[in-house]
C-alpha atoms as a PDB file:
ATOM      1  CA  MET A   1     -91.720 -60.030  76.827  1.00  0.00           C
ATOM      2  CA  THR A   2     -89.949 -56.454  76.869  1.00  0.00           C
ATOM      3  CA  LYS A   3     -89.480 -54.205  74.016  1.00  0.00           C
ATOM      4  CA  HIS A   4     -85.581 -55.218  74.430  1.00  0.00           C
ATOM      5  CA  GLU A   5     -86.383 -58.915  74.378  1.00  0.00           C
ATOM      6  CA  ARG A   6     -88.410 -58.427  71.437  1.00  0.00           C
ATOM      7  CA  ILE A   7     -85.565 -56.581  69.503  1.00  0.00           C
ATOM      8  CA  VAL A   8     -82.982 -59.269  70.821  1.00  0.00           C
ATOM      9  CA  SER A   9     -85.191 -62.154  69.407  1.00  0.00           C
ATOM     10  CA  ALA A  10     -85.619 -60.075  66.072  1.00  0.00           C
ATOM     11  CA  GLU A  11     -81.706 -59.747  65.994  1.00  0.00           C
ATOM     12  CA  GLU A  12     -81.260 -63.315  66.622  1.00  0.00           C
ATOM     13  CA  ARG A  13     -83.934 -64.762  64.241  1.00  0.00           C
ATOM     14  CA  PHE A  14     -82.432 -62.292  61.672  1.00  0.00           C
ATOM     15  CA  THR A  15     -78.648 -63.516  62.084  1.00  0.00           C
ATOM     16  CA  THR A  16     -79.817 -66.930  62.121  1.00  0.00           C
ATOM     17  CA  ALA A  17     -81.937 -66.691  59.158  1.00  0.00           C
ATOM     18  CA  LEU A  18     -79.046 -64.910  57.253  1.00  0.00           C
ATOM     19  CA  HIS A  19     -76.529 -67.537  58.316  1.00  0.00           C
ATOM     20  CA  GLY A  20     -78.891 -70.071  57.189  1.00  0.00           C
ATOM     21  CA  ALA A  21     -79.754 -68.637  53.893  1.00  0.00           C
ATOM     22  CA  TYR A  22     -76.066 -68.185  52.965  1.00  0.00           C
ATOM     23  CA  ARG A  23     -75.321 -71.594  53.707  1.00  0.00           C
ATOM     24  CA  ALA A  24     -78.392 -73.063  51.861  1.00  0.00           C
ATOM     25  CA  TRP A  25     -77.313 -70.748  49.097  1.00  0.00           C
ATOM     26  CA  ARG A  26     -73.964 -72.161  48.707  1.00  0.00           C
ATOM     27  CA  THR A  27     -75.263 -75.594  48.977  1.00  0.00           C
ATOM     28  CA  ALA A  28     -77.577 -74.877  45.984  1.00  0.00           C
ATOM     29  CA  LEU A  29     -74.783 -73.548  43.891  1.00  0.00           C
ATOM     30  CA  ASP A  30     -72.517 -76.359  44.988  1.00  0.00           C
ATOM     31  CA  LYS A  31     -75.085 -79.003  43.707  1.00  0.00           C
ATOM     32  CA  ARG A  32     -75.451 -77.063  40.317  1.00  0.00           C
ATOM     33  CA  MET A  33     -71.461 -76.874  39.984  1.00  0.00           C
ATOM     34  CA  LYS A  34     -70.847 -80.269  40.806  1.00  0.00           C
ATOM     35  CA  ASP A  35     -70.668 -81.771  37.184  1.00  0.00           C
ATOM     36  CA  LEU A  36     -67.970 -79.038  36.411  1.00  0.00           C
ATOM     37  CA  GLY A  37     -65.414 -80.904  38.194  1.00  0.00           C
ATOM     38  CA  ILE A  38     -64.254 -77.890  39.960  1.00  0.00           C
ATOM     39  CA  SER A  39     -64.331 -77.457  44.083  1.00  0.00           C
ATOM     40  CA  GLN A  40     -66.154 -74.375  45.581  1.00  0.00           C
ATOM     41  CA  ALA A  41     -63.005 -72.718  46.248  1.00  0.00           C
ATOM     42  CA  GLY A  42     -62.089 -73.167  42.591  1.00  0.00           C
ATOM     43  CA  TRP A  43     -65.336 -71.714  40.950  1.00  0.00           C
ATOM     44  CA  VAL A  44     -65.394 -68.784  43.277  1.00  0.00           C
ATOM     45  CA  ALA A  45     -61.964 -67.841  42.447  1.00  0.00           C
ATOM     46  CA  VAL A  46     -62.613 -68.243  38.709  1.00  0.00           C
ATOM     47  CA  ALA A  47     -65.541 -66.013  39.019  1.00  0.00           C
ATOM     48  CA  TYR A  48     -63.687 -63.229  40.997  1.00  0.00           C
ATOM     49  CA  ILE A  49     -60.817 -63.237  38.209  1.00  0.00           C
ATOM     50  CA  ALA A  50     -63.441 -63.204  35.573  1.00  0.00           C
ATOM     51  CA  LYS A  51     -65.188 -60.358  36.986  1.00  0.00           C
ATOM     52  CA  ALA A  52     -62.099 -58.291  37.672  1.00  0.00           C
ATOM     53  CA  GLU A  53     -62.458 -57.782  33.700  1.00  0.00           C
ATOM     54  CA  GLY A  54     -58.943 -58.228  32.542  1.00  0.00           C
ATOM     55  CA  LYS A  55     -57.249 -56.287  35.421  1.00  0.00           C
ATOM     56  CA  PRO A  56     -54.578 -59.128  36.828  1.00  0.00           C
ATOM     57  CA  LEU A  57     -55.543 -59.769  40.363  1.00  0.00           C
ATOM     58  CA  SER A  58     -52.605 -60.610  42.815  1.00  0.00           C
ATOM     59  CA  GLN A  59     -52.817 -63.723  44.614  1.00  0.00           C
ATOM     60  CA  SER A  60     -53.235 -61.951  48.071  1.00  0.00           C
ATOM     61  CA  GLU A  61     -56.004 -59.801  46.494  1.00  0.00           C
ATOM     62  CA  LEU A  62     -57.863 -62.944  45.166  1.00  0.00           C
ATOM     63  CA  ALA A  63     -57.271 -64.449  48.594  1.00  0.00           C
ATOM     64  CA  GLY A  64     -58.808 -61.534  50.218  1.00  0.00           C
ATOM     65  CA  LEU A  65     -61.978 -61.544  47.842  1.00  0.00           C
ATOM     66  CA  VAL A  66     -62.436 -65.063  48.230  1.00  0.00           C
ATOM     67  CA  GLN A  67     -62.131 -64.764  51.898  1.00  0.00           C
ATOM     68  CA  VAL A  68     -59.491 -67.411  52.455  1.00  0.00           C
ATOM     69  CA  GLU A  69     -55.798 -67.592  53.842  1.00  0.00           C
ATOM     70  CA  ALA A  70     -52.998 -66.762  51.376  1.00  0.00           C
ATOM     71  CA  ALA A  71     -51.655 -70.576  51.646  1.00  0.00           C
ATOM     72  CA  THR A  72     -55.152 -71.938  50.879  1.00  0.00           C
ATOM     73  CA  MET A  73     -55.446 -69.665  47.865  1.00  0.00           C
ATOM     74  CA  VAL A  74     -51.811 -71.093  46.557  1.00  0.00           C
ATOM     75  CA  SER A  75     -52.964 -74.415  46.505  1.00  0.00           C
ATOM     76  CA  THR A  76     -56.233 -73.541  45.011  1.00  0.00           C
ATOM     77  CA  LEU A  77     -54.551 -71.907  42.259  1.00  0.00           C
ATOM     78  CA  ASP A  78     -52.071 -74.795  42.036  1.00  0.00           C
ATOM     79  CA  ARG A  79     -55.078 -77.173  41.160  1.00  0.00           C
ATOM     80  CA  LEU A  80     -56.586 -74.414  38.743  1.00  0.00           C
ATOM     81  CA  GLU A  81     -53.283 -73.797  37.018  1.00  0.00           C
ATOM     82  CA  THR A  82     -52.698 -77.577  36.734  1.00  0.00           C
ATOM     83  CA  ALA A  83     -56.366 -77.670  35.151  1.00  0.00           C
ATOM     84  CA  GLY A  84     -55.397 -75.176  32.727  1.00  0.00           C
ATOM     85  CA  LEU A  85     -57.936 -72.662  33.947  1.00  0.00           C
ATOM     86  CA  VAL A  86     -55.368 -69.861  35.156  1.00  0.00           C
ATOM     87  CA  SER A  87     -52.056 -68.538  34.373  1.00  0.00           C
ATOM     88  CA  ARG A  88     -50.029 -66.955  37.074  1.00  0.00           C
ATOM     89  CA  THR A  89     -47.326 -64.357  35.885  1.00  0.00           C
ATOM     90  CA  PRO A  90     -44.661 -62.475  37.927  1.00  0.00           C
ATOM     91  CA  SER A  91     -45.307 -58.832  38.611  1.00  0.00           C
ATOM     92  CA  ASP A  92     -43.375 -56.113  36.613  1.00  0.00           C
ATOM     93  CA  THR A  93     -42.824 -53.946  39.973  1.00  0.00           C
ATOM     94  CA  ASP A  94     -42.600 -56.612  42.565  1.00  0.00           C
ATOM     95  CA  ARG A  95     -40.994 -59.892  42.008  1.00  0.00           C
ATOM     96  CA  ARG A  96     -42.830 -61.225  45.388  1.00  0.00           C
ATOM     97  CA  VAL A  97     -46.231 -60.543  43.661  1.00  0.00           C
ATOM     98  CA  LYS A  98     -47.813 -63.005  41.264  1.00  0.00           C
ATOM     99  CA  HIS A  99     -50.854 -61.866  39.001  1.00  0.00           C
ATOM    100  CA  VAL A 100     -53.447 -64.625  38.042  1.00  0.00           C
ATOM    101  CA  THR A 101     -55.515 -64.378  35.045  1.00  0.00           C
ATOM    102  CA  LEU A 102     -57.907 -66.677  33.379  1.00  0.00           C
ATOM    103  CA  THR A 103     -56.801 -68.684  30.299  1.00  0.00           C
ATOM    104  CA  ALA A 104     -59.346 -69.403  27.416  1.00  0.00           C
ATOM    105  CA  GLU A 105     -60.354 -72.480  29.161  1.00  0.00           C
ATOM    106  CA  GLY A 106     -60.797 -70.544  32.381  1.00  0.00           C
ATOM    107  CA  GLU A 107     -63.034 -68.200  30.335  1.00  0.00           C
ATOM    108  CA  ALA A 108     -64.820 -71.003  29.071  1.00  0.00           C
ATOM    109  CA  MET A 109     -65.426 -72.460  32.551  1.00  0.00           C
ATOM    110  CA  TYR A 110     -66.410 -68.959  33.998  1.00  0.00           C
ATOM    111  CA  HIS A 111     -69.242 -68.943  31.247  1.00  0.00           C
ATOM    112  CA  GLN A 112     -70.398 -72.394  32.583  1.00  0.00           C
ATOM    113  CA  VAL A 113     -70.180 -71.129  36.279  1.00  0.00           C
ATOM    114  CA  LYS A 114     -72.077 -67.996  35.342  1.00  0.00           C
ATOM    115  CA  ASP A 115     -74.539 -69.862  33.465  1.00  0.00           C
ATOM    116  CA  LYS A 116     -75.286 -72.348  36.385  1.00  0.00           C
ATOM    117  CA  ALA A 117     -75.281 -69.480  38.768  1.00  0.00           C
ATOM    118  CA  ASP A 118     -77.821 -67.559  36.844  1.00  0.00           C
ATOM    119  CA  GLY A 119     -79.948 -70.599  36.729  1.00  0.00           C
ATOM    120  CA  VAL A 120     -79.899 -70.859  40.311  1.00  0.00           C
ATOM    121  CA  ARG A 121     -80.757 -67.166  40.635  1.00  0.00           C
ATOM    122  CA  ALA A 122     -83.617 -67.520  38.474  1.00  0.00           C
ATOM    123  CA  ASP A 123     -84.915 -70.587  40.199  1.00  0.00           C
ATOM    124  CA  LEU A 124     -84.869 -69.357  43.663  1.00  0.00           C
ATOM    125  CA  ILE A 125     -84.812 -65.407  43.726  1.00  0.00           C
ATOM    126  CA  GLY A 126     -87.404 -65.513  40.813  1.00  0.00           C
ATOM    127  CA  GLN A 127     -89.914 -66.907  43.061  1.00  0.00           C
ATOM    128  CA  LEU A 128     -89.510 -63.812  45.278  1.00  0.00           C
ATOM    129  CA  ASP A 129     -91.730 -60.615  45.452  1.00  0.00           C
ATOM    130  CA  THR A 130     -89.701 -58.044  43.645  1.00  0.00           C
ATOM    131  CA  GLU A 131     -90.399 -55.134  46.093  1.00  0.00           C
ATOM    132  CA  LYS A 132     -89.407 -57.397  49.059  1.00  0.00           C
ATOM    133  CA  LEU A 133     -86.233 -58.351  47.121  1.00  0.00           C
ATOM    134  CA  VAL A 134     -85.251 -54.855  46.543  1.00  0.00           C
ATOM    135  CA  GLN A 135     -85.917 -54.071  50.427  1.00  0.00           C
ATOM    136  CA  ALA A 136     -83.975 -57.234  51.415  1.00  0.00           C
ATOM    137  CA  THR A 137     -81.073 -56.189  49.005  1.00  0.00           C
ATOM    138  CA  GLU A 138     -81.029 -52.534  50.661  1.00  0.00           C
ATOM    139  CA  LEU A 139     -81.046 -54.008  54.247  1.00  0.00           C
ATOM    140  CA  LEU A 140     -78.279 -56.456  53.413  1.00  0.00           C
ATOM    141  CA  ILE A 141     -76.131 -53.557  51.762  1.00  0.00           C
ATOM    142  CA  GLN A 142     -76.565 -51.269  54.656  1.00  0.00           C
ATOM    143  CA  LEU A 143     -75.499 -54.242  57.078  1.00  0.00           C
ATOM    144  CA  GLN A 144     -72.593 -54.923  55.035  1.00  0.00           C
ATOM    145  CA  ASN A 145     -71.396 -51.434  55.160  1.00  0.00           C
ATOM    146  CA  LEU A 146     -72.056 -51.313  58.974  1.00  0.00           C
ATOM    147  CA  VAL A 147     -69.810 -54.479  59.450  1.00  0.00           C
ATOM    148  CA  GLU A 148     -67.047 -53.235  57.098  1.00  0.00           C
ATOM    149  CA  THR A 149     -66.882 -50.225  59.123  1.00  0.00           C
ATOM    150  CA  PHE A 150     -67.060 -52.044  62.531  1.00  0.00           C
END
C-alpha cells in the first residue's frame, strides 16, 4: 500500500466515522426528546431561538441555522406557533421579514430540551478521555473552518 493510499483510506475512514457519529448522535438525541412531543426540526429550532438570547431571528436566519429550506422552516414554525412555543412578529424595517421569538411555553420547552441534551452529553461524551476530546474538538473546529471557506 502506498503512502497516498493510506492517506485516502484515513480520509475515507474519518469522513465515514464523522458521518456515522453525527447520525448516531442525532438518533440518541431524538430518542431522548421523543416524549416531549416535538419533532427534531422543532426542538432544533427552539434551541437556536433560545440561544439567540432574546435577539429575534428572522425566519430565513433560523432556516439557515437549522440548515433547512425556507419553506420547510415556515411549516415547522407553523407547528411551533400552533403549539404555543413561538411567536412571529413583522419586522419594523422590512414588512417581508418576520421575527421569531420563544413564548414562555417555548422557554420552558427549551429548558426541557437542554436538560435532555445535557443528559446525552454526560452519558456519552462523559465516557471519553478528556485529552482526546479536546483534540477531537480542535480538529472538528479546524475542519469546519476549512469547509466554510471552501
